[in-house]
ModelCIF file with pLDDT and N, C-alpha, C, O atoms, coordinates in Angstrom:
data_MODEL
#
_entry.id   MODEL 
#
_entity.id                         1 
_entity.type                       polymer 
_entity.pdbx_number_of_molecules   1 
#
_entity_poly.entity_id                      1 
_entity_poly.type                           'polypeptide(L)' 
_entity_poly.nstd_linkage                   no 
_entity_poly.nstd_monomer                   no 
_entity_poly.pdbx_seq_one_letter_code       CLFADAGLDLREEIRRGDVAALAERIQTLV 
_entity_poly.pdbx_seq_one_letter_code_can   CLFADAGLDLREEIRRGDVAALAERIQTLV 
_entity_poly.pdbx_strand_id                 A 
#
loop_
_entity_poly_seq.entity_id 
_entity_poly_seq.num 
_entity_poly_seq.mon_id 
_entity_poly_seq.hetero 
1 1  CYS n 
1 2  LEU n 
1 3  PHE n 
1 4  ALA n 
1 5  ASP n 
1 6  ALA n 
1 7  GLY n 
1 8  LEU n 
1 9  ASP n 
1 10 LEU n 
1 11 ARG n 
1 12 GLU n 
1 13 GLU n 
1 14 ILE n 
1 15 ARG n 
1 16 ARG n 
1 17 GLY n 
1 18 ASP n 
1 19 VAL n 
1 20 ALA n 
1 21 ALA n 
1 22 LEU n 
1 23 ALA n 
1 24 GLU n 
1 25 ARG n 
1 26 ILE n 
1 27 GLN n 
1 28 THR n 
1 29 LEU n 
1 30 VAL n 
#
_struct_asym.id          A 
_struct_asym.entity_id   1 
#
loop_
_ma_qa_metric.id 
_ma_qa_metric.mode 
_ma_qa_metric.name 
_ma_qa_metric.software_group_id 
_ma_qa_metric.type 
1 global pLDDT . pLDDT 
2 local  pLDDT . pLDDT 
#
_ma_qa_metric_global.metric_id      1 
_ma_qa_metric_global.metric_value   85.90 
_ma_qa_metric_global.model_id       1 
_ma_qa_metric_global.ordinal_id     1 
#
loop_
_ma_qa_metric_local.label_asym_id 
_ma_qa_metric_local.label_comp_id 
_ma_qa_metric_local.label_seq_id 
_ma_qa_metric_local.metric_id 
_ma_qa_metric_local.metric_value 
_ma_qa_metric_local.model_id 
_ma_qa_metric_local.ordinal_id 
A CYS 1  2 77.00 1 1  
A LEU 2  2 73.00 1 2  
A PHE 3  2 69.00 1 3  
A ALA 4  2 70.00 1 4  
A ASP 5  2 69.00 1 5  
A ALA 6  2 72.00 1 6  
A GLY 7  2 79.00 1 7  
A LEU 8  2 86.00 1 8  
A ASP 9  2 89.00 1 9  
A LEU 10 2 91.00 1 10 
A ARG 11 2 90.00 1 11 
A GLU 12 2 89.00 1 12 
A GLU 13 2 89.00 1 13 
A ILE 14 2 90.00 1 14 
A ARG 15 2 90.00 1 15 
A ARG 16 2 90.00 1 16 
A GLY 17 2 89.00 1 17 
A ASP 18 2 87.00 1 18 
A VAL 19 2 92.00 1 19 
A ALA 20 2 93.00 1 20 
A ALA 21 2 91.00 1 21 
A LEU 22 2 92.00 1 22 
A ALA 23 2 92.00 1 23 
A GLU 24 2 92.00 1 24 
A ARG 25 2 91.00 1 25 
A ILE 26 2 91.00 1 26 
A GLN 27 2 90.00 1 27 
A THR 28 2 90.00 1 28 
A LEU 29 2 88.00 1 29 
A VAL 30 2 86.00 1 30 
#
loop_
_atom_site.group_PDB 
_atom_site.id 
_atom_site.type_symbol 
_atom_site.label_atom_id 
_atom_site.label_alt_id 
_atom_site.label_comp_id 
_atom_site.label_asym_id 
_atom_site.label_entity_id 
_atom_site.label_seq_id 
_atom_site.pdbx_PDB_ins_code 
_atom_site.Cartn_x 
_atom_site.Cartn_y 
_atom_site.Cartn_z 
_atom_site.occupancy 
_atom_site.B_iso_or_equiv 
_atom_site.pdbx_formal_charge 
_atom_site.auth_seq_id 
_atom_site.auth_comp_id 
_atom_site.auth_asym_id 
_atom_site.auth_atom_id 
_atom_site.pdbx_PDB_model_num 
ATOM 1   N N  . CYS A 1 1  ? 9.327   6.408  3.658   1.00 77.00 ? 1  CYS A N  1 
ATOM 2   C CA . CYS A 1 1  ? 10.707  7.563  3.495   1.00 77.00 ? 1  CYS A CA 1 
ATOM 3   C C  . CYS A 1 1  ? 11.691  7.619  1.735   1.00 77.00 ? 1  CYS A C  1 
ATOM 4   O O  . CYS A 1 1  ? 11.704  6.651  0.975   1.00 77.00 ? 1  CYS A O  1 
ATOM 5   N N  . LEU A 1 2  ? 12.227  8.615  1.511   1.00 73.00 ? 2  LEU A N  1 
ATOM 6   C CA . LEU A 1 2  ? 13.049  8.985  0.655   1.00 73.00 ? 2  LEU A CA 1 
ATOM 7   C C  . LEU A 1 2  ? 14.138  7.787  0.685   1.00 73.00 ? 2  LEU A C  1 
ATOM 8   O O  . LEU A 1 2  ? 14.774  7.342  -0.271  1.00 73.00 ? 2  LEU A O  1 
ATOM 9   N N  . PHE A 1 3  ? 14.181  7.391  2.024   1.00 69.00 ? 3  PHE A N  1 
ATOM 10  C CA . PHE A 1 3  ? 15.813  6.726  2.089   1.00 69.00 ? 3  PHE A CA 1 
ATOM 11  C C  . PHE A 1 3  ? 15.364  5.364  2.531   1.00 69.00 ? 3  PHE A C  1 
ATOM 12  O O  . PHE A 1 3  ? 16.300  4.567  2.468   1.00 69.00 ? 3  PHE A O  1 
ATOM 13  N N  . ALA A 1 4  ? 14.025  4.728  3.040   1.00 70.00 ? 4  ALA A N  1 
ATOM 14  C CA . ALA A 1 4  ? 14.194  3.516  2.793   1.00 70.00 ? 4  ALA A CA 1 
ATOM 15  C C  . ALA A 1 4  ? 14.942  2.876  1.569   1.00 70.00 ? 4  ALA A C  1 
ATOM 16  O O  . ALA A 1 4  ? 15.299  3.381  0.505   1.00 70.00 ? 4  ALA A O  1 
ATOM 17  N N  . ASP A 1 5  ? 15.086  1.357  2.157   1.00 69.00 ? 5  ASP A N  1 
ATOM 18  C CA . ASP A 1 5  ? 15.840  0.653  0.854   1.00 69.00 ? 5  ASP A CA 1 
ATOM 19  C C  . ASP A 1 5  ? 14.297  -0.133 -0.090  1.00 69.00 ? 5  ASP A C  1 
ATOM 20  O O  . ASP A 1 5  ? 14.345  -0.061 -1.318  1.00 69.00 ? 5  ASP A O  1 
ATOM 21  N N  . ALA A 1 6  ? 13.911  -0.346 0.110   1.00 72.00 ? 6  ALA A N  1 
ATOM 22  C CA . ALA A 1 6  ? 12.614  -0.275 -0.407  1.00 72.00 ? 6  ALA A CA 1 
ATOM 23  C C  . ALA A 1 6  ? 11.458  0.024  -0.546  1.00 72.00 ? 6  ALA A C  1 
ATOM 24  O O  . ALA A 1 6  ? 10.973  0.230  0.566   1.00 72.00 ? 6  ALA A O  1 
ATOM 25  N N  . GLY A 1 7  ? 10.224  0.261  -1.907  1.00 79.00 ? 7  GLY A N  1 
ATOM 26  C CA . GLY A 1 7  ? 9.057   0.545  -1.591  1.00 79.00 ? 7  GLY A CA 1 
ATOM 27  C C  . GLY A 1 7  ? 8.591   -0.908 -1.319  1.00 79.00 ? 7  GLY A C  1 
ATOM 28  O O  . GLY A 1 7  ? 9.276   -1.929 -1.364  1.00 79.00 ? 7  GLY A O  1 
ATOM 29  N N  . LEU A 1 8  ? 6.996   -0.747 -0.965  1.00 86.00 ? 8  LEU A N  1 
ATOM 30  C CA . LEU A 1 8  ? 6.003   -1.347 -0.496  1.00 86.00 ? 8  LEU A CA 1 
ATOM 31  C C  . LEU A 1 8  ? 5.114   -1.546 -1.720  1.00 86.00 ? 8  LEU A C  1 
ATOM 32  O O  . LEU A 1 8  ? 5.076   -0.803 -2.701  1.00 86.00 ? 8  LEU A O  1 
ATOM 33  N N  . ASP A 1 9  ? 4.359   -2.732 -1.507  1.00 89.00 ? 9  ASP A N  1 
ATOM 34  C CA . ASP A 1 9  ? 3.528   -3.247 -2.847  1.00 89.00 ? 9  ASP A CA 1 
ATOM 35  C C  . ASP A 1 9  ? 2.411   -2.723 -2.593  1.00 89.00 ? 9  ASP A C  1 
ATOM 36  O O  . ASP A 1 9  ? 2.205   -2.869 -1.388  1.00 89.00 ? 9  ASP A O  1 
ATOM 37  N N  . LEU A 1 10 ? 1.300   -2.012 -3.245  1.00 91.00 ? 10 LEU A N  1 
ATOM 38  C CA . LEU A 1 10 ? 0.159   -1.860 -2.976  1.00 91.00 ? 10 LEU A CA 1 
ATOM 39  C C  . LEU A 1 10 ? -0.702  -2.342 -4.422  1.00 91.00 ? 10 LEU A C  1 
ATOM 40  O O  . LEU A 1 10 ? -1.916  -2.155 -4.511  1.00 91.00 ? 10 LEU A O  1 
ATOM 41  N N  . ARG A 1 11 ? 0.132   -3.006 -5.565  1.00 90.00 ? 11 ARG A N  1 
ATOM 42  C CA . ARG A 1 11 ? -0.258  -2.979 -6.917  1.00 90.00 ? 11 ARG A CA 1 
ATOM 43  C C  . ARG A 1 11 ? -1.537  -3.709 -6.832  1.00 90.00 ? 11 ARG A C  1 
ATOM 44  O O  . ARG A 1 11 ? -2.423  -3.512 -7.663  1.00 90.00 ? 11 ARG A O  1 
ATOM 45  N N  . GLU A 1 12 ? -1.716  -4.860 -5.490  1.00 89.00 ? 12 GLU A N  1 
ATOM 46  C CA . GLU A 1 12 ? -3.051  -5.802 -5.539  1.00 89.00 ? 12 GLU A CA 1 
ATOM 47  C C  . GLU A 1 12 ? -3.946  -5.103 -5.328  1.00 89.00 ? 12 GLU A C  1 
ATOM 48  O O  . GLU A 1 12 ? -4.905  -5.351 -6.058  1.00 89.00 ? 12 GLU A O  1 
ATOM 49  N N  . GLU A 1 13 ? -4.098  -4.280 -4.618  1.00 89.00 ? 13 GLU A N  1 
ATOM 50  C CA . GLU A 1 13 ? -4.968  -3.785 -3.564  1.00 89.00 ? 13 GLU A CA 1 
ATOM 51  C C  . GLU A 1 13 ? -5.478  -2.474 -4.671  1.00 89.00 ? 13 GLU A C  1 
ATOM 52  O O  . GLU A 1 13 ? -6.572  -2.005 -4.360  1.00 89.00 ? 13 GLU A O  1 
ATOM 53  N N  . ILE A 1 14 ? -4.913  -1.931 -5.731  1.00 90.00 ? 14 ILE A N  1 
ATOM 54  C CA . ILE A 1 14 ? -4.849  -0.328 -6.287  1.00 90.00 ? 14 ILE A CA 1 
ATOM 55  C C  . ILE A 1 14 ? -5.447  -1.145 -7.638  1.00 90.00 ? 14 ILE A C  1 
ATOM 56  O O  . ILE A 1 14 ? -6.117  -0.397 -8.351  1.00 90.00 ? 14 ILE A O  1 
ATOM 57  N N  . ARG A 1 15 ? -5.324  -2.721 -8.200  1.00 90.00 ? 15 ARG A N  1 
ATOM 58  C CA . ARG A 1 15 ? -6.185  -3.639 -9.416  1.00 90.00 ? 15 ARG A CA 1 
ATOM 59  C C  . ARG A 1 15 ? -7.308  -3.421 -9.373  1.00 90.00 ? 15 ARG A C  1 
ATOM 60  O O  . ARG A 1 15 ? -8.101  -2.885 -10.147 1.00 90.00 ? 15 ARG A O  1 
ATOM 61  N N  . ARG A 1 16 ? -7.405  -4.045 -8.019  1.00 90.00 ? 16 ARG A N  1 
ATOM 62  C CA . ARG A 1 16 ? -8.597  -4.190 -7.647  1.00 90.00 ? 16 ARG A CA 1 
ATOM 63  C C  . ARG A 1 16 ? -9.726  -3.274 -7.340  1.00 90.00 ? 16 ARG A C  1 
ATOM 64  O O  . ARG A 1 16 ? -10.910 -3.575 -7.194  1.00 90.00 ? 16 ARG A O  1 
ATOM 65  N N  . GLY A 1 17 ? -9.157  -2.096 -7.266  1.00 89.00 ? 17 GLY A N  1 
ATOM 66  C CA . GLY A 1 17 ? -10.084 -0.974 -7.187  1.00 89.00 ? 17 GLY A CA 1 
ATOM 67  C C  . GLY A 1 17 ? -10.955 -0.912 -5.284  1.00 89.00 ? 17 GLY A C  1 
ATOM 68  O O  . GLY A 1 17 ? -12.017 -0.406 -4.922  1.00 89.00 ? 17 GLY A O  1 
ATOM 69  N N  . ASP A 1 18 ? -10.272 -1.397 -4.789  1.00 87.00 ? 18 ASP A N  1 
ATOM 70  C CA . ASP A 1 18 ? -10.430 -2.220 -3.432  1.00 87.00 ? 18 ASP A CA 1 
ATOM 71  C C  . ASP A 1 18 ? -10.290 -0.723 -2.501  1.00 87.00 ? 18 ASP A C  1 
ATOM 72  O O  . ASP A 1 18 ? -9.273  -0.800 -1.811  1.00 87.00 ? 18 ASP A O  1 
ATOM 73  N N  . VAL A 1 19 ? -10.977 0.525  -2.304  1.00 92.00 ? 19 VAL A N  1 
ATOM 74  C CA . VAL A 1 19 ? -10.791 1.209  -1.906  1.00 92.00 ? 19 VAL A CA 1 
ATOM 75  C C  . VAL A 1 19 ? -10.530 1.147  0.415   1.00 92.00 ? 19 VAL A C  1 
ATOM 76  O O  . VAL A 1 19 ? -9.878  1.873  1.166   1.00 92.00 ? 19 VAL A O  1 
ATOM 77  N N  . ALA A 1 20 ? -11.223 0.199  0.621   1.00 93.00 ? 20 ALA A N  1 
ATOM 78  C CA . ALA A 1 20 ? -11.885 -0.197 2.196   1.00 93.00 ? 20 ALA A CA 1 
ATOM 79  C C  . ALA A 1 20 ? -9.866  -1.253 2.139   1.00 93.00 ? 20 ALA A C  1 
ATOM 80  O O  . ALA A 1 20 ? -9.030  -1.453 3.021   1.00 93.00 ? 20 ALA A O  1 
ATOM 81  N N  . ALA A 1 21 ? -9.900  -1.500 1.128   1.00 91.00 ? 21 ALA A N  1 
ATOM 82  C CA . ALA A 1 21 ? -8.630  -2.293 1.601   1.00 91.00 ? 21 ALA A CA 1 
ATOM 83  C C  . ALA A 1 21 ? -7.738  -2.360 1.326   1.00 91.00 ? 21 ALA A C  1 
ATOM 84  O O  . ALA A 1 21 ? -7.054  -3.355 1.564   1.00 91.00 ? 21 ALA A O  1 
ATOM 85  N N  . LEU A 1 22 ? -7.110  -0.819 0.375   1.00 92.00 ? 22 LEU A N  1 
ATOM 86  C CA . LEU A 1 22 ? -6.257  -0.155 0.219   1.00 92.00 ? 22 LEU A CA 1 
ATOM 87  C C  . LEU A 1 22 ? -5.783  0.683  1.140   1.00 92.00 ? 22 LEU A C  1 
ATOM 88  O O  . LEU A 1 22 ? -4.611  1.058  1.140   1.00 92.00 ? 22 LEU A O  1 
ATOM 89  N N  . ALA A 1 23 ? -6.615  1.031  1.963   1.00 92.00 ? 23 ALA A N  1 
ATOM 90  C CA . ALA A 1 23 ? -6.582  1.657  2.993   1.00 92.00 ? 23 ALA A CA 1 
ATOM 91  C C  . ALA A 1 23 ? -6.059  1.128  4.554   1.00 92.00 ? 23 ALA A C  1 
ATOM 92  O O  . ALA A 1 23 ? -5.759  1.544  5.673   1.00 92.00 ? 23 ALA A O  1 
ATOM 93  N N  . GLU A 1 24 ? -6.160  0.178  3.925   1.00 92.00 ? 24 GLU A N  1 
ATOM 94  C CA . GLU A 1 24 ? -5.830  -0.731 5.968   1.00 92.00 ? 24 GLU A CA 1 
ATOM 95  C C  . GLU A 1 24 ? -4.702  -1.095 4.802   1.00 92.00 ? 24 GLU A C  1 
ATOM 96  O O  . GLU A 1 24 ? -4.073  -0.087 4.480   1.00 92.00 ? 24 GLU A O  1 
ATOM 97  N N  . ARG A 1 25 ? -4.501  -1.696 4.448   1.00 91.00 ? 25 ARG A N  1 
ATOM 98  C CA . ARG A 1 25 ? -2.999  -1.697 3.830   1.00 91.00 ? 25 ARG A CA 1 
ATOM 99  C C  . ARG A 1 25 ? -2.163  -0.665 4.141   1.00 91.00 ? 25 ARG A C  1 
ATOM 100 O O  . ARG A 1 25 ? -1.246  -0.896 4.929   1.00 91.00 ? 25 ARG A O  1 
ATOM 101 N N  . ILE A 1 26 ? -2.285  0.340  3.718   1.00 91.00 ? 26 ILE A N  1 
ATOM 102 C CA . ILE A 1 26 ? -1.247  1.577  3.815   1.00 91.00 ? 26 ILE A CA 1 
ATOM 103 C C  . ILE A 1 26 ? -1.375  2.472  5.124   1.00 91.00 ? 26 ILE A C  1 
ATOM 104 O O  . ILE A 1 26 ? -0.447  3.199  5.480   1.00 91.00 ? 26 ILE A O  1 
ATOM 105 N N  . GLN A 1 27 ? -2.851  2.360  5.982   1.00 90.00 ? 27 GLN A N  1 
ATOM 106 C CA . GLN A 1 27 ? -2.111  2.213  7.456   1.00 90.00 ? 27 GLN A CA 1 
ATOM 107 C C  . GLN A 1 27 ? -1.100  0.889  8.136   1.00 90.00 ? 27 GLN A C  1 
ATOM 108 O O  . GLN A 1 27 ? -0.021  0.973  8.722   1.00 90.00 ? 27 GLN A O  1 
ATOM 109 N N  . THR A 1 28 ? -2.022  -0.458 7.755   1.00 90.00 ? 28 THR A N  1 
ATOM 110 C CA . THR A 1 28 ? -0.594  -1.466 8.065   1.00 90.00 ? 28 THR A CA 1 
ATOM 111 C C  . THR A 1 28 ? 0.477   -0.738 7.635   1.00 90.00 ? 28 THR A C  1 
ATOM 112 O O  . THR A 1 28 ? 0.475   0.376  8.159   1.00 90.00 ? 28 THR A O  1 
ATOM 113 N N  . LEU A 1 29 ? 1.299   -0.903 6.967   1.00 88.00 ? 29 LEU A N  1 
ATOM 114 C CA . LEU A 1 29 ? 2.304   -0.437 6.267   1.00 88.00 ? 29 LEU A CA 1 
ATOM 115 C C  . LEU A 1 29 ? 3.440   0.542  7.355   1.00 88.00 ? 29 LEU A C  1 
ATOM 116 O O  . LEU A 1 29 ? 4.585   0.373  7.774   1.00 88.00 ? 29 LEU A O  1 
ATOM 117 N N  . VAL A 1 30 ? 1.903   2.092  7.567   1.00 86.00 ? 30 VAL A N  1 
ATOM 118 C CA . VAL A 1 30 ? 2.081   2.974  7.917   1.00 86.00 ? 30 VAL A CA 1 
ATOM 119 C C  . VAL A 1 30 ? 3.231   2.601  9.144   1.00 86.00 ? 30 VAL A C  1 
ATOM 120 O O  . VAL A 1 30 ? 3.710   3.499  9.835   1.00 86.00 ? 30 VAL A O  1 
#
């Protein structure tokens, strides 16, 4: 949300290039 207190880190999953892990991380955070 634009009005959330802070962003949630995805850098580790992005750096690894693990699409499945990234998708799972996003789903959990959402």
